[in-house]
PDB file of N, CA and C in Angstrom:
ATOM      1  N   MET A   1     117.167  89.849  76.900  1.00  0.00           N
ATOM      2  CA  MET A   1     116.261  90.277  75.851  1.00  0.00           C
ATOM      3  C   MET A   1     115.068  89.348  75.732  1.00  0.00           C
ATOM      4  N   GLN A   2     115.267  88.053  75.985  1.00  0.00           N
ATOM      5  CA  GLN A   2     114.171  87.097  75.882  1.00  0.00           C
ATOM      6  C   GLN A   2     113.084  87.411  76.907  1.00  0.00           C
ATOM      7  N   PHE A   3     113.468  87.815  78.100  1.00  0.00           N
ATOM      8  CA  PHE A   3     112.498  88.174  79.126  1.00  0.00           C
ATOM      9  C   PHE A   3     111.601  89.300  78.662  1.00  0.00           C
ATOM     10  N   ASN A   4     112.176  90.295  78.036  1.00  0.00           N
ATOM     11  CA  ASN A   4     111.382  91.422  77.545  1.00  0.00           C
ATOM     12  C   ASN A   4     110.382  90.976  76.490  1.00  0.00           C
ATOM     13  N   MET A   5     110.778  90.021  75.647  1.00  0.00           N
ATOM     14  CA  MET A   5     109.867  89.521  74.622  1.00  0.00           C
ATOM     15  C   MET A   5     108.699  88.784  75.274  1.00  0.00           C
ATOM     16  N   GLN A   6     108.989  87.992  76.303  1.00  0.00           N
ATOM     17  CA  GLN A   6     107.915  87.288  76.997  1.00  0.00           C
ATOM     18  C   GLN A   6     106.987  88.277  77.678  1.00  0.00           C
ATOM     19  N   GLU A   7     107.569  89.289  78.305  1.00  0.00           N
ATOM     20  CA  GLU A   7     106.764  90.306  78.964  1.00  0.00           C
ATOM     21  C   GLU A   7     105.880  91.014  77.947  1.00  0.00           C
ATOM     22  N   LEU A   8     106.427  91.298  76.782  1.00  0.00           N
ATOM     23  CA  LEU A   8     105.664  91.944  75.717  1.00  0.00           C
ATOM     24  C   LEU A   8     104.525  91.049  75.269  1.00  0.00           C
ATOM     25  N   ASP A   9     104.786  89.746  75.130  1.00  0.00           N
ATOM     26  CA  ASP A   9     103.740  88.808  74.738  1.00  0.00           C
ATOM     27  C   ASP A   9     102.616  88.775  75.764  1.00  0.00           C
ATOM     28  N   VAL A  10     102.969  88.788  77.046  1.00  0.00           N
ATOM     29  CA  VAL A  10     101.959  88.774  78.102  1.00  0.00           C
ATOM     30  C   VAL A  10     101.121  90.044  78.037  1.00  0.00           C
ATOM     31  N   GLN A  11     101.772  91.176  77.855  1.00  0.00           N
ATOM     32  CA  GLN A  11     101.044  92.438  77.762  1.00  0.00           C
ATOM     33  C   GLN A  11     100.121  92.448  76.550  1.00  0.00           C
ATOM     34  N   GLU A  12     100.580  91.910  75.450  1.00  0.00           N
ATOM     35  CA  GLU A  12      99.758  91.854  74.246  1.00  0.00           C
ATOM     36  C   GLU A  12      98.541  90.957  74.465  1.00  0.00           C
ATOM     37  N   ARG A  13      98.743  89.802  75.099  1.00  0.00           N
ATOM     38  CA  ARG A  13      97.617  88.898  75.376  1.00  0.00           C
ATOM     39  C   ARG A  13      96.624  89.541  76.332  1.00  0.00           C
ATOM     40  N   GLU A  14      97.126  90.224  77.360  1.00  0.00           N
ATOM     41  CA  GLU A  14      96.232  90.900  78.300  1.00  0.00           C
ATOM     42  C   GLU A  14      95.419  91.969  77.576  1.00  0.00           C
ATOM     43  N   SER A  15      96.064  92.673  76.676  1.00  0.00           N
ATOM     44  CA  SER A  15      95.368  93.694  75.901  1.00  0.00           C
ATOM     45  C   SER A  15      94.278  93.075  75.040  1.00  0.00           C
ATOM     46  N   GLN A  16      94.574  91.943  74.409  1.00  0.00           N
ATOM     47  CA  GLN A  16      93.589  91.269  73.572  1.00  0.00           C
ATOM     48  C   GLN A  16      92.418  90.765  74.400  1.00  0.00           C
ATOM     49  N   ILE A  17      92.699  90.209  75.565  1.00  0.00           N
ATOM     50  CA  ILE A  17      91.626  89.719  76.435  1.00  0.00           C
ATOM     51  C   ILE A  17      90.762  90.878  76.898  1.00  0.00           C
ATOM     52  N   SER A  18      91.393  91.994  77.239  1.00  0.00           N
ATOM     53  CA  SER A  18      90.627  93.163  77.668  1.00  0.00           C
ATOM     54  C   SER A  18      89.717  93.659  76.555  1.00  0.00           C
ATOM     55  N   LYS A  19      90.228  93.682  75.349  1.00  0.00           N
ATOM     56  CA  LYS A  19      89.416  94.116  74.212  1.00  0.00           C
ATOM     57  C   LYS A  19      88.239  93.185  73.995  1.00  0.00           C
ATOM     58  N   ARG A  20      88.497  91.901  74.101  1.00  0.00           N
ATOM     59  CA  ARG A  20      87.451  90.905  73.862  1.00  0.00           C
ATOM     60  C   ARG A  20      86.374  90.944  74.929  1.00  0.00           C
ATOM     61  N   SER A  21      86.759  91.275  76.145  1.00  0.00           N
ATOM     62  CA  SER A  21      85.780  91.275  77.226  1.00  0.00           C
ATOM     63  C   SER A  21      84.987  92.576  77.274  1.00  0.00           C
ATOM     64  N   GLY A  22      85.299  93.509  76.385  1.00  0.00           N
ATOM     65  CA  GLY A  22      84.519  94.735  76.292  1.00  0.00           C
ATOM     66  C   GLY A  22      85.031  95.871  77.158  1.00  0.00           C
ATOM     67  N   LYS A  23      86.167  95.696  77.815  1.00  0.00           N
ATOM     68  CA  LYS A  23      86.709  96.776  78.628  1.00  0.00           C
ATOM     69  C   LYS A  23      87.250  97.865  77.723  1.00  0.00           C
ATOM     70  N   LYS A  24      87.120  99.090  78.174  1.00  0.00           N
ATOM     71  CA  LYS A  24      87.623 100.211  77.380  1.00  0.00           C
ATOM     72  C   LYS A  24      89.144 100.255  77.435  1.00  0.00           C
ATOM     73  N   GLN A  25      89.728 100.538  76.299  1.00  0.00           N
ATOM     74  CA  GLN A  25      91.170 100.653  76.195  1.00  0.00           C
ATOM     75  C   GLN A  25      91.548 102.127  76.122  1.00  0.00           C
ATOM     76  N   ASP A  26      92.842 102.382  76.005  1.00  0.00           N
ATOM     77  CA  ASP A  26      93.287 103.754  75.873  1.00  0.00           C
ATOM     78  C   ASP A  26      92.770 104.325  74.553  1.00  0.00           C
ATOM     79  N   GLU A  27      92.931 105.608  74.374  1.00  0.00           N
ATOM     80  CA  GLU A  27      92.342 106.315  73.235  1.00  0.00           C
ATOM     81  C   GLU A  27      92.812 105.774  71.895  1.00  0.00           C
ATOM     82  N   SER A  28      94.069 105.371  71.773  1.00  0.00           N
ATOM     83  CA  SER A  28      94.575 104.872  70.498  1.00  0.00           C
ATOM     84  C   SER A  28      93.884 103.570  70.105  1.00  0.00           C
ATOM     85  N   ALA A  29      93.641 102.705  71.059  1.00  0.00           N
ATOM     86  CA  ALA A  29      92.959 101.443  70.762  1.00  0.00           C
ATOM     87  C   ALA A  29      91.502 101.690  70.405  1.00  0.00           C
ATOM     88  N   MET A  30      90.880 102.650  71.052  1.00  0.00           N
ATOM     89  CA  MET A  30      89.476 102.937  70.769  1.00  0.00           C
ATOM     90  C   MET A  30      89.323 103.539  69.382  1.00  0.00           C
ATOM     91  N   ASN A  31      90.294 104.301  68.934  1.00  0.00           N
ATOM     92  CA  ASN A  31      90.221 104.918  67.612  1.00  0.00           C
ATOM     93  C   ASN A  31      90.343 103.898  66.488  1.00  0.00           C
ATOM     94  N   GLN A  32      90.873 102.739  66.781  1.00  0.00           N
ATOM     95  CA  GLN A  32      91.030 101.715  65.763  1.00  0.00           C
ATOM     96  C   GLN A  32      89.704 101.034  65.439  1.00  0.00           C
ATOM     97  N   GLY A  33      88.694 101.204  66.268  1.00  0.00           N
ATOM     98  CA  GLY A  33      87.398 100.597  66.021  1.00  0.00           C
ATOM     99  C   GLY A  33      87.391  99.098  66.226  1.00  0.00           C
ATOM    100  N   ASP A  34      88.284  98.596  67.033  1.00  0.00           N
ATOM    101  CA  ASP A  34      88.392  97.159  67.282  1.00  0.00           C
ATOM    102  C   ASP A  34      87.498  96.795  68.464  1.00  0.00           C
ATOM    103  N   ASP A  35      86.190  96.785  68.234  1.00  0.00           N
ATOM    104  CA  ASP A  35      85.216  96.566  69.297  1.00  0.00           C
ATOM    105  C   ASP A  35      84.696  95.135  69.220  1.00  0.00           C
ATOM    106  N   GLN A  36      85.478  94.182  69.777  1.00  0.00           N
ATOM    107  CA  GLN A  36      85.092  92.783  69.746  1.00  0.00           C
ATOM    108  C   GLN A  36      84.281  92.454  70.991  1.00  0.00           C
ATOM    109  N   GLN A  37      83.388  91.497  70.852  1.00  0.00           N
ATOM    110  CA  GLN A  37      82.548  91.064  71.955  1.00  0.00           C
ATOM    111  C   GLN A  37      83.013  89.686  72.434  1.00  0.00           C
ATOM    112  N   LEU A  38      82.590  89.335  73.618  1.00  0.00           N
ATOM    113  CA  LEU A  38      82.895  88.018  74.163  1.00  0.00           C
ATOM    114  C   LEU A  38      82.012  87.005  73.445  1.00  0.00           C
ATOM    115  N   THR A  39      82.647  86.131  72.691  1.00  0.00           N
ATOM    116  CA  THR A  39      81.928  85.166  71.870  1.00  0.00           C
ATOM    117  C   THR A  39      82.149  83.755  72.399  1.00  0.00           C
ATOM    118  N   PRO A  40      81.329  82.794  71.986  1.00  0.00           N
ATOM    119  CA  PRO A  40      81.554  81.411  72.409  1.00  0.00           C
ATOM    120  C   PRO A  40      82.942  80.895  72.028  1.00  0.00           C
ATOM    121  N   LYS A  41      83.461  81.327  70.894  1.00  0.00           N
ATOM    122  CA  LYS A  41      84.794  80.899  70.477  1.00  0.00           C
ATOM    123  C   LYS A  41      85.860  81.403  71.456  1.00  0.00           C
ATOM    124  N   ILE A  42      85.746  82.652  71.856  1.00  0.00           N
ATOM    125  CA  ILE A  42      86.707  83.234  72.795  1.00  0.00           C
ATOM    126  C   ILE A  42      86.596  82.538  74.145  1.00  0.00           C
ATOM    127  N   ILE A  43      85.369  82.270  74.566  1.00  0.00           N
ATOM    128  CA  ILE A  43      85.167  81.558  75.826  1.00  0.00           C
ATOM    129  C   ILE A  43      85.800  80.178  75.752  1.00  0.00           C
ATOM    130  N   GLU A  44      85.618  79.500  74.641  1.00  0.00           N
ATOM    131  CA  GLU A  44      86.194  78.166  74.456  1.00  0.00           C
ATOM    132  C   GLU A  44      87.725  78.206  74.490  1.00  0.00           C
ATOM    133  N   GLU A  45      88.310  79.263  73.936  1.00  0.00           N
ATOM    134  CA  GLU A  45      89.769  79.390  73.909  1.00  0.00           C
ATOM    135  C   GLU A  45      90.343  79.743  75.276  1.00  0.00           C
ATOM    136  N   THR A  46      89.652  80.571  76.036  1.00  0.00           N
ATOM    137  CA  THR A  46      90.207  81.059  77.300  1.00  0.00           C
ATOM    138  C   THR A  46      89.858  80.195  78.510  1.00  0.00           C
ATOM    139  N   THR A  47      88.812  79.397  78.419  1.00  0.00           N
ATOM    140  CA  THR A  47      88.411  78.568  79.556  1.00  0.00           C
ATOM    141  C   THR A  47      89.532  77.647  80.031  1.00  0.00           C
ATOM    142  N   PRO A  48      90.231  76.935  79.145  1.00  0.00           N
ATOM    143  CA  PRO A  48      91.328  76.086  79.633  1.00  0.00           C
ATOM    144  C   PRO A  48      92.418  76.878  80.361  1.00  0.00           C
ATOM    145  N   MET A  49      92.695  78.082  79.893  1.00  0.00           N
ATOM    146  CA  MET A  49      93.704  78.908  80.569  1.00  0.00           C
ATOM    147  C   MET A  49      93.250  79.261  81.986  1.00  0.00           C
ATOM    148  N   LEU A  50      91.984  79.612  82.121  1.00  0.00           N
ATOM    149  CA  LEU A  50      91.465  79.968  83.440  1.00  0.00           C
ATOM    150  C   LEU A  50      91.489  78.777  84.388  1.00  0.00           C
ATOM    151  N   PHE A  51      91.123  77.601  83.870  1.00  0.00           N
ATOM    152  CA  PHE A  51      91.148  76.426  84.734  1.00  0.00           C
ATOM    153  C   PHE A  51      92.566  76.011  85.088  1.00  0.00           C
ATOM    154  N   ASN A  52      93.525  76.259  84.229  1.00  0.00           N
ATOM    155  CA  ASN A  52      94.926  76.002  84.583  1.00  0.00           C
ATOM    156  C   ASN A  52      95.338  76.874  85.760  1.00  0.00           C
ATOM    157  N   ILE A  53      94.906  78.118  85.742  1.00  0.00           N
ATOM    158  CA  ILE A  53      95.209  79.028  86.854  1.00  0.00           C
ATOM    159  C   ILE A  53      94.514  78.546  88.121  1.00  0.00           C
ATOM    160  N   ILE A  54      93.236  78.205  87.998  1.00  0.00           N
ATOM    161  CA  ILE A  54      92.481  77.748  89.165  1.00  0.00           C
ATOM    162  C   ILE A  54      93.124  76.500  89.762  1.00  0.00           C
ATOM    163  N   TYR A  55      93.455  75.518  88.924  1.00  0.00           N
ATOM    164  CA  TYR A  55      94.038  74.280  89.430  1.00  0.00           C
ATOM    165  C   TYR A  55      95.408  74.510  90.067  1.00  0.00           C
ATOM    166  N   SER A  56      96.164  75.485  89.586  1.00  0.00           N
ATOM    167  CA  SER A  56      97.486  75.724  90.174  1.00  0.00           C
ATOM    168  C   SER A  56      97.402  76.475  91.500  1.00  0.00           C
ATOM    169  N   VAL A  57      96.357  77.262  91.710  1.00  0.00           N
ATOM    170  CA  VAL A  57      96.236  78.061  92.923  1.00  0.00           C
ATOM    171  C   VAL A  57      95.336  77.384  93.961  1.00  0.00           C
ATOM    172  N   PHE A  58      94.287  76.740  93.512  1.00  0.00           N
ATOM    173  CA  PHE A  58      93.260  76.176  94.387  1.00  0.00           C
ATOM    174  C   PHE A  58      93.576  74.721  94.690  1.00  0.00           C
ATOM    175  N   SER A  59      94.201  74.482  95.834  1.00  0.00           N
ATOM    176  CA  SER A  59      94.528  73.114  96.236  1.00  0.00           C
ATOM    177  C   SER A  59      94.356  72.981  97.744  1.00  0.00           C
ATOM    178  N   LYS A  60      94.215  71.750  98.208  1.00  0.00           N
ATOM    179  CA  LYS A  60      94.004  71.536  99.644  1.00  0.00           C
ATOM    180  C   LYS A  60      95.232  71.891 100.470  1.00  0.00           C
ATOM    181  N   ASP A  61      96.384  72.020  99.830  1.00  0.00           N
ATOM    182  CA  ASP A  61      97.611  72.406 100.526  1.00  0.00           C
ATOM    183  C   ASP A  61      97.850  73.914 100.505  1.00  0.00           C
ATOM    184  N   GLY A  62      96.953  74.654  99.897  1.00  0.00           N
ATOM    185  CA  GLY A  62      97.114  76.099  99.772  1.00  0.00           C
ATOM    186  C   GLY A  62      96.807  76.824 101.065  1.00  0.00           C
ATOM    187  N   PRO A  63      97.059  78.117 101.069  1.00  0.00           N
ATOM    188  CA  PRO A  63      96.750  78.932 102.255  1.00  0.00           C
ATOM    189  C   PRO A  63      95.250  78.867 102.574  1.00  0.00           C
ATOM    190  N   LYS A  64      94.936  78.888 103.854  1.00  0.00           N
ATOM    191  CA  LYS A  64      93.530  78.787 104.293  1.00  0.00           C
ATOM    192  C   LYS A  64      92.656  79.878 103.679  1.00  0.00           C
ATOM    193  N   ALA A  65      93.181  81.083 103.585  1.00  0.00           N
ATOM    194  CA  ALA A  65      92.390  82.183 103.008  1.00  0.00           C
ATOM    195  C   ALA A  65      92.073  81.910 101.542  1.00  0.00           C
ATOM    196  N   THR A  66      93.040  81.384 100.811  1.00  0.00           N
ATOM    197  CA  THR A  66      92.824  81.059  99.398  1.00  0.00           C
ATOM    198  C   THR A  66      91.768  79.971  99.260  1.00  0.00           C
ATOM    199  N   ILE A  67      91.830  78.983 100.124  1.00  0.00           N
ATOM    200  CA  ILE A  67      90.856  77.893 100.087  1.00  0.00           C
ATOM    201  C   ILE A  67      89.455  78.428 100.372  1.00  0.00           C
ATOM    202  N   LYS A  68      89.326  79.240 101.423  1.00  0.00           N
ATOM    203  CA  LYS A  68      88.009  79.778 101.777  1.00  0.00           C
ATOM    204  C   LYS A  68      87.424  80.625 100.657  1.00  0.00           C
ATOM    205  N   ILE A  69      88.234  81.521 100.131  1.00  0.00           N
ATOM    206  CA  ILE A  69      87.768  82.390  99.040  1.00  0.00           C
ATOM    207  C   ILE A  69      87.440  81.554  97.814  1.00  0.00           C
ATOM    208  N   GLY A  70      88.292  80.578  97.515  1.00  0.00           N
ATOM    209  CA  GLY A  70      88.051  79.713  96.364  1.00  0.00           C
ATOM    210  C   GLY A  70      86.760  78.935  96.497  1.00  0.00           C
ATOM    211  N   LEU A  71      86.509  78.383  97.682  1.00  0.00           N
ATOM    212  CA  LEU A  71      85.284  77.619  97.890  1.00  0.00           C
ATOM    213  C   LEU A  71      84.046  78.499  97.713  1.00  0.00           C
ATOM    214  N   ILE A  72      84.127  79.712  98.179  1.00  0.00           N
ATOM    215  CA  ILE A  72      82.983  80.626  98.055  1.00  0.00           C
ATOM    216  C   ILE A  72      82.735  81.012  96.603  1.00  0.00           C
ATOM    217  N   TYR A  73      83.769  81.502  95.926  1.00  0.00           N
ATOM    218  CA  TYR A  73      83.575  82.032  94.574  1.00  0.00           C
ATOM    219  C   TYR A  73      83.482  80.952  93.501  1.00  0.00           C
ATOM    220  N   LEU A  74      84.176  79.852  93.691  1.00  0.00           N
ATOM    221  CA  LEU A  74      84.141  78.802  92.668  1.00  0.00           C
ATOM    222  C   LEU A  74      82.871  77.963  92.747  1.00  0.00           C
ATOM    223  N   ALA A  75      82.157  78.037  93.856  1.00  0.00           N
ATOM    224  CA  ALA A  75      80.875  77.327  93.953  1.00  0.00           C
ATOM    225  C   ALA A  75      79.900  77.821  92.885  1.00  0.00           C
ATOM    226  N   LYS A  76      80.049  79.054  92.474  1.00  0.00           N
ATOM    227  CA  LYS A  76      79.149  79.661  91.485  1.00  0.00           C
ATOM    228  C   LYS A  76      79.294  79.049  90.093  1.00  0.00           C
ATOM    229  N   ILE A  77      80.437  78.432  89.803  1.00  0.00           N
ATOM    230  CA  ILE A  77      80.638  77.885  88.459  1.00  0.00           C
ATOM    231  C   ILE A  77      80.347  76.395  88.375  1.00  0.00           C
ATOM    232  N   MET A  78      79.999  75.787  89.486  1.00  0.00           N
ATOM    233  CA  MET A  78      79.787  74.339  89.524  1.00  0.00           C
ATOM    234  C   MET A  78      78.710  73.890  88.530  1.00  0.00           C
ATOM    235  N   ASP A  79      77.651  74.655  88.394  1.00  0.00           N
ATOM    236  CA  ASP A  79      76.581  74.290  87.453  1.00  0.00           C
ATOM    237  C   ASP A  79      77.046  74.348  86.005  1.00  0.00           C
ATOM    238  N   PHE A  80      77.950  75.260  85.721  1.00  0.00           N
ATOM    239  CA  PHE A  80      78.420  75.447  84.349  1.00  0.00           C
ATOM    240  C   PHE A  80      79.535  74.485  83.959  1.00  0.00           C
ATOM    241  N   TYR A  81      80.331  74.064  84.936  1.00  0.00           N
ATOM    242  CA  TYR A  81      81.478  73.193  84.683  1.00  0.00           C
ATOM    243  C   TYR A  81      81.447  71.998  85.630  1.00  0.00           C
ATOM    244  N   PRO A  82      80.592  71.008  85.363  1.00  0.00           N
ATOM    245  CA  PRO A  82      80.480  69.855  86.266  1.00  0.00           C
ATOM    246  C   PRO A  82      81.783  69.059  86.396  1.00  0.00           C
ATOM    247  N   ASP A  83      82.667  69.159  85.413  1.00  0.00           N
ATOM    248  CA  ASP A  83      83.958  68.462  85.503  1.00  0.00           C
ATOM    249  C   ASP A  83      84.807  68.994  86.652  1.00  0.00           C
ATOM    250  N   PHE A  84      84.515  70.183  87.093  1.00  0.00           N
ATOM    251  CA  PHE A  84      85.271  70.821  88.169  1.00  0.00           C
ATOM    252  C   PHE A  84      84.834  70.305  89.544  1.00  0.00           C
ATOM    253  N   THR A  85      83.713  69.612  89.619  1.00  0.00           N
ATOM    254  CA  THR A  85      83.145  69.168  90.889  1.00  0.00           C
ATOM    255  C   THR A  85      84.124  68.325  91.698  1.00  0.00           C
ATOM    256  N   GLN A  86      84.821  67.413  91.063  1.00  0.00           N
ATOM    257  CA  GLN A  86      85.750  66.536  91.787  1.00  0.00           C
ATOM    258  C   GLN A  86      86.853  67.346  92.472  1.00  0.00           C
ATOM    259  N   LYS A  87      87.440  68.294  91.770  1.00  0.00           N
ATOM    260  CA  LYS A  87      88.499  69.123  92.365  1.00  0.00           C
ATOM    261  C   LYS A  87      87.940  69.952  93.517  1.00  0.00           C
ATOM    262  N   TYR A  88      86.756  70.497  93.338  1.00  0.00           N
ATOM    263  CA  TYR A  88      86.117  71.305  94.368  1.00  0.00           C
ATOM    264  C   TYR A  88      85.901  70.480  95.636  1.00  0.00           C
ATOM    265  N   LEU A  89      85.360  69.281  95.476  1.00  0.00           N
ATOM    266  CA  LEU A  89      85.101  68.419  96.637  1.00  0.00           C
ATOM    267  C   LEU A  89      86.391  67.949  97.290  1.00  0.00           C
ATOM    268  N   GLU A  90      87.425  67.728  96.503  1.00  0.00           N
ATOM    269  CA  GLU A  90      88.737  67.333  97.035  1.00  0.00           C
ATOM    270  C   GLU A  90      89.260  68.404  97.996  1.00  0.00           C
ATOM    271  N   VAL A  91      89.122  69.662  97.601  1.00  0.00           N
ATOM    272  CA  VAL A  91      89.603  70.760  98.437  1.00  0.00           C
ATOM    273  C   VAL A  91      88.672  70.971  99.621  1.00  0.00           C
ATOM    274  N   LEU A  92      87.384  70.828  99.401  1.00  0.00           N
ATOM    275  CA  LEU A  92      86.402  71.027 100.465  1.00  0.00           C
ATOM    276  C   LEU A  92      86.564  70.003 101.583  1.00  0.00           C
ATOM    277  N   LEU A  93      86.772  68.756 101.193  1.00  0.00           N
ATOM    278  CA  LEU A  93      86.868  67.691 102.205  1.00  0.00           C
ATOM    279  C   LEU A  93      88.308  67.473 102.576  1.00  0.00           C
TER     280      LEU A  93
END
C-alpha cells in the first residue's frame, strides 16, 4: 500500500508541475480554472530538483551517449547557472 501512496504523490507532483508550466490538462482540470503561470518562486522551488536529476545522471562514468547529449544540451544553461560550470568541465575533460 505504501508504494501506491508514493506513486500517487509522484503523479500529483507531476500534475502540479504540468499545470505550473502552462501545459493543458484534461478537461476536469481545465474546468477548475487553475491556470497558474511559471513564476520565479516556482522556478526557485524546482531548480534544485532538476539539478539533483542532472547530477545523478550526468557523470563522467555514465554512458557515452548520455555524456554527449548532456554536454550538448547542458551547455545552454551555463550562462544562467555558473555554479554548474565545474561539474560540466569535470565531465567534459
